[in-house]
PDB file of N, CA and C in Angstrom:
ATOM      1  N   MET A   1     -10.382  33.978 -95.117  1.00  0.00           N
ATOM      2  CA  MET A   1     -10.680  32.683 -94.212  1.00  0.00           C
ATOM      3  C   MET A   1      -9.897  31.474 -95.132  1.00  0.00           C
ATOM      4  N   PRO A   2      -8.983  30.788 -94.458  1.00  0.00           N
ATOM      5  CA  PRO A   2      -8.304  29.668 -95.037  1.00  0.00           C
ATOM      6  C   PRO A   2      -9.251  28.655 -95.515  1.00  0.00           C
ATOM      7  N   ARG A   3      -8.553  27.875 -96.576  1.00  0.00           N
ATOM      8  CA  ARG A   3      -9.525  26.878 -97.418  1.00  0.00           C
ATOM      9  C   ARG A   3     -10.000  25.808 -96.385  1.00  0.00           C
ATOM     10  N   THR A   4      -9.095  25.346 -95.513  1.00  0.00           N
ATOM     11  CA  THR A   4      -9.683  24.253 -94.570  1.00  0.00           C
ATOM     12  C   THR A   4     -10.840  24.792 -93.747  1.00  0.00           C
ATOM     13  N   ARG A   5     -10.843  25.899 -93.292  1.00  0.00           N
ATOM     14  CA  ARG A   5     -12.133  26.422 -92.703  1.00  0.00           C
ATOM     15  C   ARG A   5     -13.308  26.398 -93.518  1.00  0.00           C
ATOM     16  N   LEU A   6     -13.049  26.800 -94.807  1.00  0.00           N
ATOM     17  CA  LEU A   6     -14.241  26.868 -95.629  1.00  0.00           C
ATOM     18  C   LEU A   6     -14.785  25.487 -95.743  1.00  0.00           C
ATOM     19  N   TRP A   7     -13.851  24.473 -96.024  1.00  0.00           N
ATOM     20  CA  TRP A   7     -14.349  23.186 -96.156  1.00  0.00           C
ATOM     21  C   TRP A   7     -15.016  22.578 -94.820  1.00  0.00           C
ATOM     22  N   LEU A   8     -14.553  22.921 -93.627  1.00  0.00           N
ATOM     23  CA  LEU A   8     -15.175  22.658 -92.398  1.00  0.00           C
ATOM     24  C   LEU A   8     -16.616  23.161 -92.403  1.00  0.00           C
ATOM     25  N   LEU A   9     -16.586  24.517 -92.706  1.00  0.00           N
ATOM     26  CA  LEU A   9     -17.966  25.243 -92.827  1.00  0.00           C
ATOM     27  C   LEU A   9     -18.943  24.537 -93.522  1.00  0.00           C
ATOM     28  N   PHE A  10     -18.431  24.350 -94.917  1.00  0.00           N
ATOM     29  CA  PHE A  10     -19.185  23.418 -95.876  1.00  0.00           C
ATOM     30  C   PHE A  10     -19.825  22.300 -95.276  1.00  0.00           C
ATOM     31  N   LEU A  11     -18.924  21.313 -94.730  1.00  0.00           N
ATOM     32  CA  LEU A  11     -19.142  20.178 -94.338  1.00  0.00           C
ATOM     33  C   LEU A  11     -20.175  20.116 -93.048  1.00  0.00           C
ATOM     34  N   ALA A  12     -20.065  21.142 -92.224  1.00  0.00           N
ATOM     35  CA  ALA A  12     -21.124  21.371 -91.148  1.00  0.00           C
ATOM     36  C   ALA A  12     -22.482  21.754 -91.602  1.00  0.00           C
ATOM     37  N   VAL A  13     -22.574  22.630 -92.667  1.00  0.00           N
ATOM     38  CA  VAL A  13     -23.791  23.010 -93.107  1.00  0.00           C
ATOM     39  C   VAL A  13     -24.356  21.752 -93.863  1.00  0.00           C
ATOM     40  N   ALA A  14     -23.476  21.040 -94.637  1.00  0.00           N
ATOM     41  CA  ALA A  14     -24.082  19.766 -95.140  1.00  0.00           C
ATOM     42  C   ALA A  14     -24.473  18.798 -94.236  1.00  0.00           C
ATOM     43  N   LEU A  15     -23.846  18.501 -93.035  1.00  0.00           N
ATOM     44  CA  LEU A  15     -24.423  17.718 -92.044  1.00  0.00           C
ATOM     45  C   LEU A  15     -25.704  18.304 -91.448  1.00  0.00           C
ATOM     46  N   GLY A  16     -25.806  19.547 -91.328  1.00  0.00           N
ATOM     47  CA  GLY A  16     -27.072  20.039 -90.773  1.00  0.00           C
ATOM     48  C   GLY A  16     -28.228  19.857 -91.802  1.00  0.00           C
ATOM     49  N   VAL A  17     -27.988  19.870 -92.807  1.00  0.00           N
ATOM     50  CA  VAL A  17     -29.040  19.616 -94.000  1.00  0.00           C
ATOM     51  C   VAL A  17     -29.467  18.054 -93.928  1.00  0.00           C
ATOM     52  N   VAL A  18     -28.545  17.358 -93.956  1.00  0.00           N
ATOM     53  CA  VAL A  18     -28.699  15.891 -93.772  1.00  0.00           C
ATOM     54  C   VAL A  18     -29.465  15.505 -92.414  1.00  0.00           C
ATOM     55  N   LEU A  19     -29.135  16.042 -91.286  1.00  0.00           N
ATOM     56  CA  LEU A  19     -29.979  15.892 -90.218  1.00  0.00           C
ATOM     57  C   LEU A  19     -31.301  16.319 -90.102  1.00  0.00           C
ATOM     58  N   ALA A  20     -31.484  17.550 -90.908  1.00  0.00           N
ATOM     59  CA  ALA A  20     -32.791  18.143 -91.178  1.00  0.00           C
ATOM     60  C   ALA A  20     -33.644  17.072 -91.847  1.00  0.00           C
ATOM     61  N   SER A  21     -33.098  16.658 -92.843  1.00  0.00           N
ATOM     62  CA  SER A  21     -33.997  15.841 -93.683  1.00  0.00           C
ATOM     63  C   SER A  21     -34.206  14.405 -93.001  1.00  0.00           C
ATOM     64  N   ALA A  22     -33.340  14.027 -91.885  1.00  0.00           N
ATOM     65  CA  ALA A  22     -33.618  12.775 -91.247  1.00  0.00           C
ATOM     66  C   ALA A  22     -34.675  12.995 -90.095  1.00  0.00           C
ATOM     67  N   ALA A  23     -34.920  14.349 -89.848  1.00  0.00           N
ATOM     68  CA  ALA A  23     -35.882  14.634 -88.769  1.00  0.00           C
ATOM     69  C   ALA A  23     -37.262  14.085 -89.068  1.00  0.00           C
ATOM     70  N   PRO A  24     -38.074  13.539 -88.181  1.00  0.00           N
ATOM     71  CA  PRO A  24     -39.412  13.286 -88.429  1.00  0.00           C
ATOM     72  C   PRO A  24     -40.174  14.403 -89.036  1.00  0.00           C
ATOM     73  N   ARG A  25     -41.023  13.908 -89.885  1.00  0.00           N
ATOM     74  CA  ARG A  25     -41.999  14.787 -90.650  1.00  0.00           C
ATOM     75  C   ARG A  25     -42.958  15.654 -89.758  1.00  0.00           C
ATOM     76  N   SER A  26     -43.289  15.090 -88.622  1.00  0.00           N
ATOM     77  CA  SER A  26     -44.159  15.951 -87.650  1.00  0.00           C
ATOM     78  C   SER A  26     -43.339  17.217 -87.257  1.00  0.00           C
ATOM     79  N   TRP A  27     -42.138  17.231 -87.270  1.00  0.00           N
ATOM     80  CA  TRP A  27     -41.383  18.247 -86.783  1.00  0.00           C
ATOM     81  C   TRP A  27     -41.230  19.473 -87.858  1.00  0.00           C
ATOM     82  N   SER A  28     -41.659  19.226 -88.969  1.00  0.00           N
ATOM     83  CA  SER A  28     -41.604  20.301 -89.871  1.00  0.00           C
ATOM     84  C   SER A  28     -40.277  21.083 -89.984  1.00  0.00           C
ATOM     85  N   VAL A  29     -39.229  20.322 -90.021  1.00  0.00           N
ATOM     86  CA  VAL A  29     -37.783  20.849 -90.287  1.00  0.00           C
ATOM     87  C   VAL A  29     -37.583  20.985 -91.638  1.00  0.00           C
ATOM     88  N   ALA A  30     -37.194  22.188 -92.176  1.00  0.00           N
ATOM     89  CA  ALA A  30     -37.026  22.327 -93.627  1.00  0.00           C
ATOM     90  C   ALA A  30     -35.299  22.396 -93.632  1.00  0.00           C
ATOM     91  N   PRO A  31     -34.929  22.189 -94.820  1.00  0.00           N
ATOM     92  CA  PRO A  31     -33.456  22.137 -95.207  1.00  0.00           C
ATOM     93  C   PRO A  31     -32.839  23.503 -94.818  1.00  0.00           C
ATOM     94  N   VAL A  32     -33.538  24.485 -94.772  1.00  0.00           N
ATOM     95  CA  VAL A  32     -32.997  25.892 -94.385  1.00  0.00           C
ATOM     96  C   VAL A  32     -32.665  25.880 -92.966  1.00  0.00           C
ATOM     97  N   HIS A  33     -33.443  25.249 -92.036  1.00  0.00           N
ATOM     98  CA  HIS A  33     -33.158  24.985 -90.769  1.00  0.00           C
ATOM     99  C   HIS A  33     -31.933  24.207 -90.535  1.00  0.00           C
ATOM    100  N   GLY A  34     -31.713  23.055 -91.459  1.00  0.00           N
ATOM    101  CA  GLY A  34     -30.660  22.260 -91.262  1.00  0.00           C
ATOM    102  C   GLY A  34     -29.279  23.207 -91.618  1.00  0.00           C
ATOM    103  N   ALA A  35     -29.485  23.973 -92.597  1.00  0.00           N
ATOM    104  CA  ALA A  35     -28.270  24.829 -93.132  1.00  0.00           C
ATOM    105  C   ALA A  35     -27.913  26.008 -91.816  1.00  0.00           C
ATOM    106  N   LEU A  36     -28.975  26.445 -91.272  1.00  0.00           N
ATOM    107  CA  LEU A  36     -28.920  27.325 -90.169  1.00  0.00           C
ATOM    108  C   LEU A  36     -28.208  26.333 -88.977  1.00  0.00           C
ATOM    109  N   PHE A  37     -28.748  25.181 -88.720  1.00  0.00           N
ATOM    110  CA  PHE A  37     -27.951  24.344 -87.668  1.00  0.00           C
ATOM    111  C   PHE A  37     -26.543  24.064 -87.930  1.00  0.00           C
ATOM    112  N   GLY A  38     -26.223  23.704 -89.301  1.00  0.00           N
ATOM    113  CA  GLY A  38     -24.855  23.406 -89.536  1.00  0.00           C
ATOM    114  C   GLY A  38     -23.963  24.748 -89.503  1.00  0.00           C
ATOM    115  N   THR A  39     -24.425  25.984 -89.691  1.00  0.00           N
ATOM    116  CA  THR A  39     -23.609  27.130 -89.557  1.00  0.00           C
ATOM    117  C   THR A  39     -23.437  27.489 -88.035  1.00  0.00           C
ATOM    118  N   ALA A  40     -24.460  27.258 -87.241  1.00  0.00           N
ATOM    119  CA  ALA A  40     -24.331  27.286 -85.862  1.00  0.00           C
ATOM    120  C   ALA A  40     -23.531  26.331 -85.176  1.00  0.00           C
ATOM    121  N   LEU A  41     -23.416  25.084 -85.733  1.00  0.00           N
ATOM    122  CA  LEU A  41     -22.487  24.123 -85.326  1.00  0.00           C
ATOM    123  C   LEU A  41     -21.054  24.532 -85.466  1.00  0.00           C
ATOM    124  N   TYR A  42     -20.764  25.067 -86.756  1.00  0.00           N
ATOM    125  CA  TYR A  42     -19.640  25.583 -87.130  1.00  0.00           C
ATOM    126  C   TYR A  42     -19.073  26.636 -86.163  1.00  0.00           C
ATOM    127  N   LEU A  43     -19.801  27.658 -86.022  1.00  0.00           N
ATOM    128  CA  LEU A  43     -19.620  29.021 -85.236  1.00  0.00           C
ATOM    129  C   LEU A  43     -19.493  28.642 -83.728  1.00  0.00           C
ATOM    130  N   GLY A  44     -20.430  27.671 -83.254  1.00  0.00           N
ATOM    131  CA  GLY A  44     -20.636  27.394 -81.784  1.00  0.00           C
ATOM    132  C   GLY A  44     -19.445  26.356 -81.415  1.00  0.00           C
ATOM    133  N   ALA A  45     -19.119  25.476 -82.245  1.00  0.00           N
ATOM    134  CA  ALA A  45     -18.175  24.424 -81.793  1.00  0.00           C
ATOM    135  C   ALA A  45     -17.099  24.028 -82.670  1.00  0.00           C
ATOM    136  N   LEU A  46     -17.016  24.300 -83.909  1.00  0.00           N
ATOM    137  CA  LEU A  46     -15.888  23.940 -84.866  1.00  0.00           C
ATOM    138  C   LEU A  46     -14.907  24.995 -85.142  1.00  0.00           C
ATOM    139  N   ARG A  47     -15.113  26.279 -84.870  1.00  0.00           N
ATOM    140  CA  ARG A  47     -14.266  27.371 -85.465  1.00  0.00           C
ATOM    141  C   ARG A  47     -13.010  27.457 -84.731  1.00  0.00           C
ATOM    142  N   ARG A  48     -12.985  26.922 -83.396  1.00  0.00           N
ATOM    143  CA  ARG A  48     -11.867  26.866 -82.679  1.00  0.00           C
ATOM    144  C   ARG A  48     -11.342  25.468 -82.498  1.00  0.00           C
ATOM    145  N   PRO A  49     -10.089  25.180 -82.937  1.00  0.00           N
ATOM    146  CA  PRO A  49      -9.495  23.820 -83.109  1.00  0.00           C
ATOM    147  C   PRO A  49      -9.464  23.070 -81.784  1.00  0.00           C
ATOM    148  N   ALA A  50      -9.077  23.705 -80.773  1.00  0.00           N
ATOM    149  CA  ALA A  50      -8.835  23.086 -79.435  1.00  0.00           C
ATOM    150  C   ALA A  50     -10.224  22.701 -78.897  1.00  0.00           C
ATOM    151  N   GLY A  51     -10.476  21.357 -78.742  1.00  0.00           N
ATOM    152  CA  GLY A  51     -11.754  20.985 -78.087  1.00  0.00           C
ATOM    153  C   GLY A  51     -12.912  20.986 -78.998  1.00  0.00           C
ATOM    154  N   ALA A  52     -12.630  21.036 -80.347  1.00  0.00           N
ATOM    155  CA  ALA A  52     -13.833  21.096 -81.184  1.00  0.00           C
ATOM    156  C   ALA A  52     -14.740  19.815 -81.130  1.00  0.00           C
ATOM    157  N   LEU A  53     -14.147  18.641 -81.048  1.00  0.00           N
ATOM    158  CA  LEU A  53     -15.018  17.431 -81.052  1.00  0.00           C
ATOM    159  C   LEU A  53     -15.876  17.534 -79.767  1.00  0.00           C
ATOM    160  N   LEU A  54     -15.266  17.816 -78.790  1.00  0.00           N
ATOM    161  CA  LEU A  54     -16.096  17.745 -77.488  1.00  0.00           C
ATOM    162  C   LEU A  54     -17.165  18.725 -77.454  1.00  0.00           C
ATOM    163  N   ARG A  55     -16.982  19.967 -77.959  1.00  0.00           N
ATOM    164  CA  ARG A  55     -17.917  20.978 -78.144  1.00  0.00           C
ATOM    165  C   ARG A  55     -18.931  20.669 -79.180  1.00  0.00           C
ATOM    166  N   ALA A  56     -18.535  20.167 -80.288  1.00  0.00           N
ATOM    167  CA  ALA A  56     -19.397  19.495 -81.293  1.00  0.00           C
ATOM    168  C   ALA A  56     -20.425  18.475 -80.732  1.00  0.00           C
ATOM    169  N   ALA A  57     -20.022  17.509 -79.967  1.00  0.00           N
ATOM    170  CA  ALA A  57     -20.749  16.579 -79.233  1.00  0.00           C
ATOM    171  C   ALA A  57     -21.700  17.172 -78.233  1.00  0.00           C
ATOM    172  N   ALA A  58     -21.197  18.266 -77.489  1.00  0.00           N
ATOM    173  CA  ALA A  58     -22.194  18.972 -76.536  1.00  0.00           C
ATOM    174  C   ALA A  58     -23.184  19.466 -77.317  1.00  0.00           C
ATOM    175  N   PHE A  59     -22.840  20.388 -78.291  1.00  0.00           N
ATOM    176  CA  PHE A  59     -23.893  20.863 -79.267  1.00  0.00           C
ATOM    177  C   PHE A  59     -24.876  20.059 -79.799  1.00  0.00           C
ATOM    178  N   LEU A  60     -24.604  18.862 -80.344  1.00  0.00           N
ATOM    179  CA  LEU A  60     -25.412  17.865 -80.845  1.00  0.00           C
ATOM    180  C   LEU A  60     -26.439  17.333 -79.804  1.00  0.00           C
ATOM    181  N   ALA A  61     -25.716  17.212 -78.536  1.00  0.00           N
ATOM    182  CA  ALA A  61     -26.554  16.514 -77.441  1.00  0.00           C
ATOM    183  C   ALA A  61     -27.448  17.493 -76.878  1.00  0.00           C
ATOM    184  N   LEU A  62     -27.050  18.846 -76.656  1.00  0.00           N
ATOM    185  CA  LEU A  62     -28.128  19.810 -76.160  1.00  0.00           C
ATOM    186  C   LEU A  62     -29.138  20.089 -77.406  1.00  0.00           C
ATOM    187  N   ALA A  63     -28.791  20.108 -78.615  1.00  0.00           N
ATOM    188  CA  ALA A  63     -29.739  20.446 -79.805  1.00  0.00           C
ATOM    189  C   ALA A  63     -30.674  19.271 -79.638  1.00  0.00           C
ATOM    190  N   SER A  64     -30.234  17.983 -79.692  1.00  0.00           N
ATOM    191  CA  SER A  64     -31.087  16.798 -79.485  1.00  0.00           C
ATOM    192  C   SER A  64     -32.231  16.855 -78.506  1.00  0.00           C
ATOM    193  N   ALA A  65     -31.648  17.100 -77.262  1.00  0.00           N
ATOM    194  CA  ALA A  65     -32.492  17.276 -76.060  1.00  0.00           C
ATOM    195  C   ALA A  65     -33.508  18.360 -76.186  1.00  0.00           C
ATOM    196  N   GLN A  66     -33.101  19.463 -76.668  1.00  0.00           N
ATOM    197  CA  GLN A  66     -34.103  20.500 -76.921  1.00  0.00           C
ATOM    198  C   GLN A  66     -35.067  20.337 -77.978  1.00  0.00           C
ATOM    199  N   ALA A  67     -34.738  19.724 -78.978  1.00  0.00           N
ATOM    200  CA  ALA A  67     -35.607  19.339 -80.099  1.00  0.00           C
ATOM    201  C   ALA A  67     -36.701  18.207 -79.657  1.00  0.00           C
ATOM    202  N   TYR A  68     -36.213  17.308 -78.770  1.00  0.00           N
ATOM    203  CA  TYR A  68     -37.083  16.326 -78.255  1.00  0.00           C
ATOM    204  C   TYR A  68     -38.182  17.052 -77.375  1.00  0.00           C
ATOM    205  N   VAL A  69     -37.720  17.949 -76.373  1.00  0.00           N
ATOM    206  CA  VAL A  69     -38.579  18.698 -75.495  1.00  0.00           C
ATOM    207  C   VAL A  69     -39.652  19.429 -76.299  1.00  0.00           C
ATOM    208  N   LEU A  70     -39.112  20.196 -77.349  1.00  0.00           N
ATOM    209  CA  LEU A  70     -39.981  21.137 -78.010  1.00  0.00           C
ATOM    210  C   LEU A  70     -40.816  20.476 -78.999  1.00  0.00           C
ATOM    211  N   PHE A  71     -40.409  19.274 -79.655  1.00  0.00           N
ATOM    212  CA  PHE A  71     -41.375  18.922 -80.714  1.00  0.00           C
ATOM    213  C   PHE A  71     -42.053  17.655 -80.383  1.00  0.00           C
ATOM    214  N   GLU A  72     -41.477  16.883 -79.230  1.00  0.00           N
ATOM    215  CA  GLU A  72     -42.246  15.652 -78.836  1.00  0.00           C
ATOM    216  C   GLU A  72     -43.159  15.940 -77.341  1.00  0.00           C
ATOM    217  N   ALA A  73     -42.290  16.439 -76.430  1.00  0.00           N
ATOM    218  CA  ALA A  73     -42.827  16.523 -75.140  1.00  0.00           C
ATOM    219  C   ALA A  73     -43.943  17.777 -74.964  1.00  0.00           C
ATOM    220  N   ALA A  74     -43.546  18.853 -75.740  1.00  0.00           N
ATOM    221  CA  ALA A  74     -44.473  20.050 -75.695  1.00  0.00           C
ATOM    222  C   ALA A  74     -44.905  20.466 -77.185  1.00  0.00           C
ATOM    223  N   PRO A  75     -45.380  19.588 -77.824  1.00  0.00           N
ATOM    224  CA  PRO A  75     -45.658  19.931 -79.371  1.00  0.00           C
ATOM    225  C   PRO A  75     -46.689  21.190 -79.507  1.00  0.00           C
ATOM    226  N   GLY A  76     -47.441  21.374 -78.577  1.00  0.00           N
ATOM    227  CA  GLY A  76     -48.271  22.589 -78.790  1.00  0.00           C
ATOM    228  C   GLY A  76     -47.831  23.922 -78.585  1.00  0.00           C
ATOM    229  N   SER A  77     -46.454  23.816 -78.069  1.00  0.00           N
ATOM    230  CA  SER A  77     -45.826  25.246 -77.949  1.00  0.00           C
ATOM    231  C   SER A  77     -45.473  25.818 -79.314  1.00  0.00           C
ATOM    232  N   ASP A  78     -45.634  27.173 -79.343  1.00  0.00           N
ATOM    233  CA  ASP A  78     -45.367  27.816 -80.663  1.00  0.00           C
ATOM    234  C   ASP A  78     -44.012  28.301 -80.696  1.00  0.00           C
ATOM    235  N   VAL A  79     -43.103  27.419 -80.865  1.00  0.00           N
ATOM    236  CA  VAL A  79     -41.699  27.562 -81.129  1.00  0.00           C
ATOM    237  C   VAL A  79     -41.248  27.099 -82.434  1.00  0.00           C
ATOM    238  N   ARG A  80     -40.252  27.682 -82.995  1.00  0.00           N
ATOM    239  CA  ARG A  80     -39.677  27.177 -84.365  1.00  0.00           C
ATOM    240  C   ARG A  80     -38.426  26.365 -84.069  1.00  0.00           C
ATOM    241  N   ALA A  81     -37.932  25.751 -85.155  1.00  0.00           N
ATOM    242  CA  ALA A  81     -36.721  24.991 -85.201  1.00  0.00           C
ATOM    243  C   ALA A  81     -35.540  25.793 -84.969  1.00  0.00           C
ATOM    244  N   ALA A  82     -35.634  27.172 -85.396  1.00  0.00           N
ATOM    245  CA  ALA A  82     -34.688  28.162 -85.173  1.00  0.00           C
ATOM    246  C   ALA A  82     -34.259  28.239 -83.765  1.00  0.00           C
ATOM    247  N   PHE A  83     -35.182  28.250 -82.978  1.00  0.00           N
ATOM    248  CA  PHE A  83     -35.002  28.548 -81.478  1.00  0.00           C
ATOM    249  C   PHE A  83     -34.050  27.474 -81.057  1.00  0.00           C
ATOM    250  N   VAL A  84     -34.297  26.220 -81.300  1.00  0.00           N
ATOM    251  CA  VAL A  84     -33.417  25.118 -81.026  1.00  0.00           C
ATOM    252  C   VAL A  84     -31.923  25.414 -81.352  1.00  0.00           C
ATOM    253  N   ILE A  85     -31.710  25.823 -82.538  1.00  0.00           N
ATOM    254  CA  ILE A  85     -30.523  25.861 -83.047  1.00  0.00           C
ATOM    255  C   ILE A  85     -29.784  27.024 -82.380  1.00  0.00           C
ATOM    256  N   LEU A  86     -30.552  28.163 -82.387  1.00  0.00           N
ATOM    257  CA  LEU A  86     -29.893  29.414 -81.872  1.00  0.00           C
ATOM    258  C   LEU A  86     -29.679  29.384 -80.260  1.00  0.00           C
ATOM    259  N   SER A  87     -30.410  28.673 -79.700  1.00  0.00           N
ATOM    260  CA  SER A  87     -30.415  28.654 -78.240  1.00  0.00           C
ATOM    261  C   SER A  87     -29.227  27.774 -77.739  1.00  0.00           C
ATOM    262  N   THR A  88     -29.125  26.666 -78.535  1.00  0.00           N
ATOM    263  CA  THR A  88     -27.927  25.741 -78.379  1.00  0.00           C
ATOM    264  C   THR A  88     -26.569  26.407 -78.578  1.00  0.00           C
ATOM    265  N   TRP A  89     -26.672  27.386 -79.675  1.00  0.00           N
ATOM    266  CA  TRP A  89     -25.421  28.091 -79.985  1.00  0.00           C
ATOM    267  C   TRP A  89     -25.045  29.046 -78.738  1.00  0.00           C
ATOM    268  N   ILE A  90     -26.097  29.639 -78.297  1.00  0.00           N
ATOM    269  CA  ILE A  90     -25.820  30.573 -77.281  1.00  0.00           C
ATOM    270  C   ILE A  90     -25.380  30.054 -76.030  1.00  0.00           C
ATOM    271  N   VAL A  91     -25.884  28.761 -75.648  1.00  0.00           N
ATOM    272  CA  VAL A  91     -25.463  28.036 -74.422  1.00  0.00           C
ATOM    273  C   VAL A  91     -23.945  27.801 -74.597  1.00  0.00           C
ATOM    274  N   LEU A  92     -23.579  27.199 -75.719  1.00  0.00           N
ATOM    275  CA  LEU A  92     -22.154  26.765 -75.923  1.00  0.00           C
ATOM    276  C   LEU A  92     -21.259  27.937 -76.054  1.00  0.00           C
ATOM    277  N   GLU A  93     -21.665  28.969 -76.408  1.00  0.00           N
ATOM    278  CA  GLU A  93     -20.707  30.265 -76.486  1.00  0.00           C
ATOM    279  C   GLU A  93     -20.581  30.710 -75.136  1.00  0.00           C
ATOM    280  N   SER A  94     -21.623  30.681 -74.284  1.00  0.00           N
ATOM    281  CA  SER A  94     -21.441  31.105 -72.777  1.00  0.00           C
ATOM    282  C   SER A  94     -20.583  30.036 -72.002  1.00  0.00           C
ATOM    283  N   LEU A  95     -20.729  28.890 -72.351  1.00  0.00           N
ATOM    284  CA  LEU A  95     -19.918  27.881 -71.512  1.00  0.00           C
ATOM    285  C   LEU A  95     -18.454  27.936 -72.059  1.00  0.00           C
ATOM    286  N   GLY A  96     -18.070  28.236 -73.397  1.00  0.00           N
ATOM    287  CA  GLY A  96     -16.876  28.182 -73.790  1.00  0.00           C
ATOM    288  C   GLY A  96     -16.200  29.406 -73.745  1.00  0.00           C
ATOM    289  N   GLY A  97     -16.951  30.493 -73.818  1.00  0.00           N
ATOM    290  CA  GLY A  97     -16.103  31.758 -73.793  1.00  0.00           C
ATOM    291  C   GLY A  97     -15.453  31.991 -75.144  1.00  0.00           C
ATOM    292  N   ARG A  98     -15.119  33.199 -75.447  1.00  0.00           N
ATOM    293  CA  ARG A  98     -14.618  33.558 -76.595  1.00  0.00           C
ATOM    294  C   ARG A  98     -13.061  33.779 -76.441  1.00  0.00           C
ATOM    295  N   VAL A  99     -12.247  33.224 -77.543  1.00  0.00           N
ATOM    296  CA  VAL A  99     -10.827  33.332 -77.544  1.00  0.00           C
ATOM    297  C   VAL A  99     -10.538  34.790 -77.821  1.00  0.00           C
ATOM    298  N   GLY A 100      -9.599  35.287 -76.887  1.00  0.00           N
ATOM    299  CA  GLY A 100      -8.968  36.863 -77.146  1.00  0.00           C
ATOM    300  C   GLY A 100     -10.119  37.738 -76.740  1.00  0.00           C
ATOM    301  N   ALA A 101     -11.079  37.283 -76.092  1.00  0.00           N
ATOM    302  CA  ALA A 101     -12.045  38.423 -75.413  1.00  0.00           C
ATOM    303  C   ALA A 101     -11.452  39.108 -74.252  1.00  0.00           C
ATOM    304  N   ALA A 102     -11.559  40.301 -74.342  1.00  0.00           N
ATOM    305  CA  ALA A 102     -11.051  41.282 -73.064  1.00  0.00           C
ATOM    306  C   ALA A 102     -11.965  40.994 -71.987  1.00  0.00           C
ATOM    307  N   PRO A 103     -11.502  40.863 -70.641  1.00  0.00           N
ATOM    308  CA  PRO A 103     -12.292  40.831 -69.560  1.00  0.00           C
ATOM    309  C   PRO A 103     -13.028  42.148 -69.260  1.00  0.00           C
ATOM    310  N   ALA A 104     -14.308  41.863 -68.750  1.00  0.00           N
ATOM    311  CA  ALA A 104     -14.987  43.116 -68.522  1.00  0.00           C
ATOM    312  C   ALA A 104     -14.489  44.057 -67.440  1.00  0.00           C
ATOM    313  N   ARG A 105     -14.507  45.199 -67.692  1.00  0.00           N
ATOM    314  CA  ARG A 105     -13.896  46.191 -66.645  1.00  0.00           C
ATOM    315  C   ARG A 105     -15.104  46.591 -65.730  1.00  0.00           C
ATOM    316  N   GLY A 106     -14.751  46.749 -64.575  1.00  0.00           N
ATOM    317  CA  GLY A 106     -15.944  47.236 -63.525  1.00  0.00           C
ATOM    318  C   GLY A 106     -15.500  47.489 -62.298  1.00  0.00           C
TER     319      GLY A 106
END
């Protein structure tokens, strides 16, 4: 992995930890959730250079919306912070597709 990509991954994880520490205490978001969030941000939005800022903005918007719904609007639901992060990643991967992926045969 090129050094610039490692730095980008490190910065994304650091941003995730900072955002996790800024979350309201009632959400019970731990630094490990922030590290997972940052990793998902890198893999889902930043690893491909073309359109990375747009994907990152969409990732943050989707994660924020899901976090609000799960932690504020439906606090009694038994879902963890990891769900917000991973489901956001899955949505972005589905919308953006994979570079170099072969089309399905059928």
